[in-house]
N, C-alpha and C. Protein backbone atom coordinates (compact mmCIF):
# COMPACT_ATOMS: atom_id res chain seq x y z
N MET A 1 82.70 -35.97 9.70
CA MET A 1 83.35 -35.59 10.95
C MET A 1 83.33 -34.07 11.10
N ILE A 2 82.98 -33.60 12.27
CA ILE A 2 82.98 -32.17 12.55
C ILE A 2 84.40 -31.74 12.94
N ILE A 3 84.94 -30.79 12.19
CA ILE A 3 86.27 -30.26 12.49
C ILE A 3 86.17 -29.13 13.52
N TYR A 4 85.30 -28.17 13.24
CA TYR A 4 85.04 -27.08 14.19
C TYR A 4 83.59 -27.14 14.63
N ASP A 5 83.39 -27.08 15.94
CA ASP A 5 82.05 -27.01 16.51
C ASP A 5 82.02 -25.78 17.41
N ILE A 6 81.31 -24.76 16.95
CA ILE A 6 81.25 -23.47 17.65
C ILE A 6 79.85 -23.31 18.23
N GLN A 7 79.78 -23.07 19.53
CA GLN A 7 78.50 -23.00 20.22
C GLN A 7 78.35 -21.69 20.99
N ASN A 8 77.34 -20.90 20.61
CA ASN A 8 76.93 -19.71 21.36
C ASN A 8 78.09 -18.75 21.66
N LEU A 9 78.92 -18.49 20.66
CA LEU A 9 80.11 -17.66 20.84
C LEU A 9 79.74 -16.18 20.91
N VAL A 10 80.26 -15.52 21.94
CA VAL A 10 80.00 -14.09 22.15
C VAL A 10 81.33 -13.39 22.40
N LYS A 11 81.49 -12.21 21.79
CA LYS A 11 82.66 -11.37 22.06
C LYS A 11 82.25 -9.92 21.95
N SER A 12 82.59 -9.15 22.97
CA SER A 12 82.40 -7.71 22.93
C SER A 12 83.71 -7.05 23.33
N TYR A 13 83.89 -5.83 22.86
CA TYR A 13 85.11 -5.08 23.17
C TYR A 13 84.77 -3.95 24.13
N PRO A 14 85.67 -3.62 25.05
CA PRO A 14 85.43 -2.53 26.00
C PRO A 14 85.10 -1.23 25.28
N GLY A 15 84.11 -0.53 25.78
CA GLY A 15 83.73 0.76 25.22
C GLY A 15 82.81 0.68 24.01
N GLN A 16 82.49 -0.52 23.56
CA GLN A 16 81.60 -0.70 22.40
C GLN A 16 80.21 -1.11 22.89
N THR A 17 79.19 -0.53 22.29
CA THR A 17 77.83 -0.87 22.69
C THR A 17 77.30 -2.10 21.95
N ILE A 18 77.88 -2.40 20.79
CA ILE A 18 77.44 -3.54 19.99
C ILE A 18 78.47 -4.65 20.10
N ARG A 19 78.01 -5.87 20.27
CA ARG A 19 78.92 -7.02 20.36
C ARG A 19 79.56 -7.29 19.00
N ALA A 20 80.82 -7.65 19.01
CA ALA A 20 81.51 -8.03 17.77
C ALA A 20 80.92 -9.34 17.24
N ASN A 21 80.66 -10.28 18.13
CA ASN A 21 79.99 -11.54 17.79
C ASN A 21 78.94 -11.80 18.85
N ASN A 22 77.76 -12.18 18.41
CA ASN A 22 76.66 -12.37 19.35
C ASN A 22 75.99 -13.72 19.12
N ASN A 23 76.33 -14.68 19.96
CA ASN A 23 75.66 -15.98 19.97
C ASN A 23 75.83 -16.75 18.65
N ILE A 24 77.06 -16.85 18.17
CA ILE A 24 77.33 -17.57 16.92
C ILE A 24 77.44 -19.06 17.20
N THR A 25 76.68 -19.84 16.44
CA THR A 25 76.73 -21.29 16.51
C THR A 25 76.88 -21.82 15.09
N LEU A 26 77.90 -22.66 14.86
CA LEU A 26 78.09 -23.26 13.54
C LEU A 26 79.00 -24.47 13.65
N GLN A 27 78.93 -25.31 12.63
CA GLN A 27 79.80 -26.46 12.53
C GLN A 27 80.48 -26.44 11.16
N ILE A 28 81.74 -26.81 11.13
CA ILE A 28 82.50 -26.94 9.89
C ILE A 28 82.95 -28.39 9.81
N TYR A 29 82.58 -29.03 8.70
CA TYR A 29 82.84 -30.46 8.55
C TYR A 29 84.10 -30.71 7.73
N GLN A 30 84.72 -31.86 7.96
CA GLN A 30 85.90 -32.27 7.21
C GLN A 30 85.61 -32.26 5.72
N GLY A 31 86.50 -31.64 4.94
CA GLY A 31 86.36 -31.58 3.49
C GLY A 31 85.47 -30.46 2.99
N GLU A 32 84.84 -29.74 3.89
CA GLU A 32 83.93 -28.65 3.53
C GLU A 32 84.72 -27.40 3.17
N ILE A 33 84.27 -26.70 2.15
CA ILE A 33 84.83 -25.39 1.81
C ILE A 33 83.96 -24.36 2.52
N PHE A 34 84.60 -23.48 3.27
CA PHE A 34 83.86 -22.58 4.15
C PHE A 34 84.38 -21.16 4.00
N GLY A 35 83.49 -20.20 3.94
CA GLY A 35 83.87 -18.80 3.87
C GLY A 35 83.06 -17.97 4.85
N ILE A 36 83.63 -16.85 5.25
CA ILE A 36 82.95 -15.91 6.14
C ILE A 36 82.84 -14.59 5.41
N LEU A 37 81.62 -14.13 5.20
CA LEU A 37 81.37 -12.89 4.48
C LEU A 37 80.69 -11.88 5.39
N GLY A 38 80.98 -10.59 5.17
CA GLY A 38 80.31 -9.55 5.94
C GLY A 38 80.95 -8.20 5.71
N ASP A 39 80.24 -7.18 6.11
CA ASP A 39 80.73 -5.80 5.99
C ASP A 39 81.93 -5.58 6.91
N ASN A 40 82.64 -4.47 6.68
CA ASN A 40 83.72 -4.07 7.59
C ASN A 40 83.15 -3.92 8.99
N GLY A 41 83.86 -4.46 9.95
CA GLY A 41 83.43 -4.35 11.34
C GLY A 41 82.35 -5.32 11.74
N ALA A 42 82.04 -6.29 10.88
CA ALA A 42 80.96 -7.24 11.18
C ALA A 42 81.36 -8.35 12.15
N GLY A 43 82.66 -8.50 12.40
CA GLY A 43 83.11 -9.52 13.35
C GLY A 43 83.78 -10.72 12.72
N LYS A 44 84.09 -10.65 11.42
CA LYS A 44 84.72 -11.79 10.73
C LYS A 44 86.10 -12.10 11.32
N SER A 45 86.95 -11.12 11.41
CA SER A 45 88.30 -11.33 11.96
C SER A 45 88.23 -11.73 13.42
N THR A 46 87.32 -11.16 14.15
CA THR A 46 87.14 -11.53 15.55
C THR A 46 86.79 -13.00 15.66
N LEU A 47 85.87 -13.47 14.82
CA LEU A 47 85.48 -14.88 14.84
C LEU A 47 86.67 -15.79 14.53
N VAL A 48 87.43 -15.46 13.50
CA VAL A 48 88.58 -16.29 13.14
C VAL A 48 89.61 -16.30 14.26
N ARG A 49 89.84 -15.16 14.88
CA ARG A 49 90.80 -15.09 15.99
C ARG A 49 90.31 -15.91 17.19
N GLN A 50 89.00 -15.96 17.38
CA GLN A 50 88.45 -16.82 18.43
C GLN A 50 88.64 -18.30 18.06
N MET A 51 88.48 -18.61 16.78
CA MET A 51 88.59 -20.00 16.31
C MET A 51 90.00 -20.56 16.45
N VAL A 52 91.00 -19.69 16.38
CA VAL A 52 92.39 -20.16 16.51
C VAL A 52 92.97 -19.86 17.89
N ASN A 53 92.10 -19.47 18.81
CA ASN A 53 92.46 -19.26 20.21
C ASN A 53 93.42 -18.10 20.42
N LEU A 54 93.34 -17.08 19.56
CA LEU A 54 94.14 -15.87 19.75
C LEU A 54 93.36 -14.79 20.49
N LEU A 55 92.06 -15.01 20.64
CA LEU A 55 91.20 -14.03 21.29
C LEU A 55 90.22 -14.77 22.18
N LYS A 56 90.19 -14.39 23.45
CA LYS A 56 89.30 -15.04 24.42
C LYS A 56 87.87 -14.58 24.20
N SER A 57 86.96 -15.53 24.18
CA SER A 57 85.53 -15.23 24.03
C SER A 57 84.94 -14.83 25.38
N ASP A 58 83.89 -14.00 25.34
CA ASP A 58 83.18 -13.65 26.57
C ASP A 58 82.40 -14.85 27.08
N SER A 59 81.81 -15.60 26.16
CA SER A 59 81.09 -16.82 26.50
C SER A 59 80.98 -17.70 25.26
N GLY A 60 80.53 -18.92 25.47
CA GLY A 60 80.44 -19.88 24.38
C GLY A 60 81.66 -20.77 24.36
N ALA A 61 81.69 -21.67 23.37
CA ALA A 61 82.78 -22.64 23.29
C ALA A 61 83.15 -22.93 21.85
N VAL A 62 84.44 -23.20 21.64
CA VAL A 62 84.95 -23.62 20.34
C VAL A 62 85.64 -24.96 20.54
N ALA A 63 85.21 -25.96 19.77
CA ALA A 63 85.87 -27.27 19.80
C ALA A 63 86.50 -27.53 18.45
N PHE A 64 87.72 -28.04 18.46
CA PHE A 64 88.43 -28.44 17.25
C PHE A 64 88.64 -29.94 17.34
N CYS A 65 88.09 -30.67 16.38
CA CYS A 65 88.16 -32.14 16.36
C CYS A 65 87.71 -32.74 17.70
N GLY A 66 86.66 -32.16 18.26
CA GLY A 66 86.07 -32.68 19.48
C GLY A 66 86.71 -32.23 20.78
N HIS A 67 87.73 -31.37 20.70
CA HIS A 67 88.43 -30.92 21.90
C HIS A 67 88.28 -29.41 22.07
N ASN A 68 87.97 -28.98 23.27
CA ASN A 68 87.85 -27.56 23.58
C ASN A 68 89.21 -26.89 23.36
N ILE A 69 89.23 -25.81 22.55
CA ILE A 69 90.51 -25.19 22.19
C ILE A 69 91.18 -24.47 23.36
N VAL A 70 90.42 -24.12 24.39
CA VAL A 70 91.02 -23.49 25.57
C VAL A 70 91.77 -24.54 26.38
N LYS A 71 91.21 -25.74 26.46
CA LYS A 71 91.84 -26.82 27.24
C LYS A 71 92.92 -27.55 26.46
N ALA A 72 92.84 -27.51 25.12
CA ALA A 72 93.83 -28.22 24.28
C ALA A 72 94.29 -27.31 23.14
N PRO A 73 94.93 -26.17 23.46
CA PRO A 73 95.32 -25.22 22.41
C PRO A 73 96.34 -25.77 21.43
N HIS A 74 97.13 -26.75 21.86
CA HIS A 74 98.15 -27.33 20.99
C HIS A 74 97.55 -27.98 19.74
N LEU A 75 96.33 -28.48 19.82
CA LEU A 75 95.70 -29.11 18.65
C LEU A 75 95.49 -28.10 17.53
N VAL A 76 95.04 -26.91 17.88
CA VAL A 76 94.85 -25.86 16.87
C VAL A 76 96.21 -25.38 16.38
N GLN A 77 97.14 -25.16 17.28
CA GLN A 77 98.47 -24.67 16.91
C GLN A 77 99.17 -25.61 15.94
N MET A 78 98.96 -26.91 16.08
CA MET A 78 99.64 -27.90 15.23
C MET A 78 98.91 -28.15 13.91
N ASN A 79 97.62 -27.79 13.83
CA ASN A 79 96.83 -28.20 12.68
C ASN A 79 96.17 -27.09 11.87
N VAL A 80 96.19 -25.86 12.37
CA VAL A 80 95.50 -24.77 11.70
C VAL A 80 96.49 -23.64 11.43
N GLY A 81 96.49 -23.14 10.20
CA GLY A 81 97.31 -21.98 9.85
C GLY A 81 96.45 -20.73 9.84
N TYR A 82 97.00 -19.64 10.34
CA TYR A 82 96.27 -18.37 10.38
C TYR A 82 97.22 -17.26 9.94
N MET A 83 96.82 -16.51 8.91
CA MET A 83 97.63 -15.39 8.43
C MET A 83 96.72 -14.17 8.34
N PRO A 84 96.85 -13.24 9.27
CA PRO A 84 96.01 -12.04 9.22
C PRO A 84 96.39 -11.16 8.04
N GLN A 85 95.47 -10.28 7.66
CA GLN A 85 95.73 -9.37 6.55
C GLN A 85 96.98 -8.54 6.80
N GLU A 86 97.10 -8.03 8.01
CA GLU A 86 98.28 -7.25 8.39
C GLU A 86 98.86 -7.88 9.65
N SER A 87 100.00 -8.54 9.48
CA SER A 87 100.58 -9.26 10.62
C SER A 87 101.41 -8.36 11.52
N GLY A 88 101.95 -7.28 10.97
CA GLY A 88 102.79 -6.39 11.76
C GLY A 88 104.21 -6.89 11.91
N ALA A 89 104.49 -8.10 11.45
CA ALA A 89 105.82 -8.69 11.64
C ALA A 89 106.89 -8.00 10.81
N LEU A 90 106.56 -7.50 9.64
CA LEU A 90 107.57 -6.92 8.75
C LEU A 90 107.29 -5.46 8.42
N ASN A 91 106.54 -4.78 9.23
CA ASN A 91 106.13 -3.40 8.94
C ASN A 91 107.29 -2.42 8.90
N ASN A 92 108.39 -2.70 9.58
CA ASN A 92 109.50 -1.73 9.64
C ASN A 92 110.52 -1.94 8.52
N LEU A 93 110.32 -2.89 7.63
CA LEU A 93 111.27 -3.14 6.54
C LEU A 93 110.96 -2.27 5.33
N THR A 94 112.01 -1.86 4.63
CA THR A 94 111.84 -1.07 3.41
C THR A 94 112.66 -1.69 2.28
N VAL A 95 112.35 -1.30 1.05
CA VAL A 95 113.08 -1.79 -0.11
C VAL A 95 114.02 -0.68 -0.58
N GLY A 96 115.27 -1.03 -0.86
CA GLY A 96 116.20 -0.06 -1.43
C GLY A 96 117.11 0.51 -0.48
């Protein structure tokens, strides 16, 4: 069973000449161990944010369990956990 089906995903940021993601197509299957590798600025975090519907793609589509995540965002929200490297939620706390 395909859990994630990503088709022709594109994302660019204003003022940048190079796209963060350019025409990414991939499938992630149930039970599969999956990793994303790349240099700093290669678009890894952008791709993950697109996969959990936190970042709108310029074009392309992401389906989770056969459902478009833009049309059914609750499916991702209920079934996928996402923890960024720096969440910003606790940045103002100190010890002592």
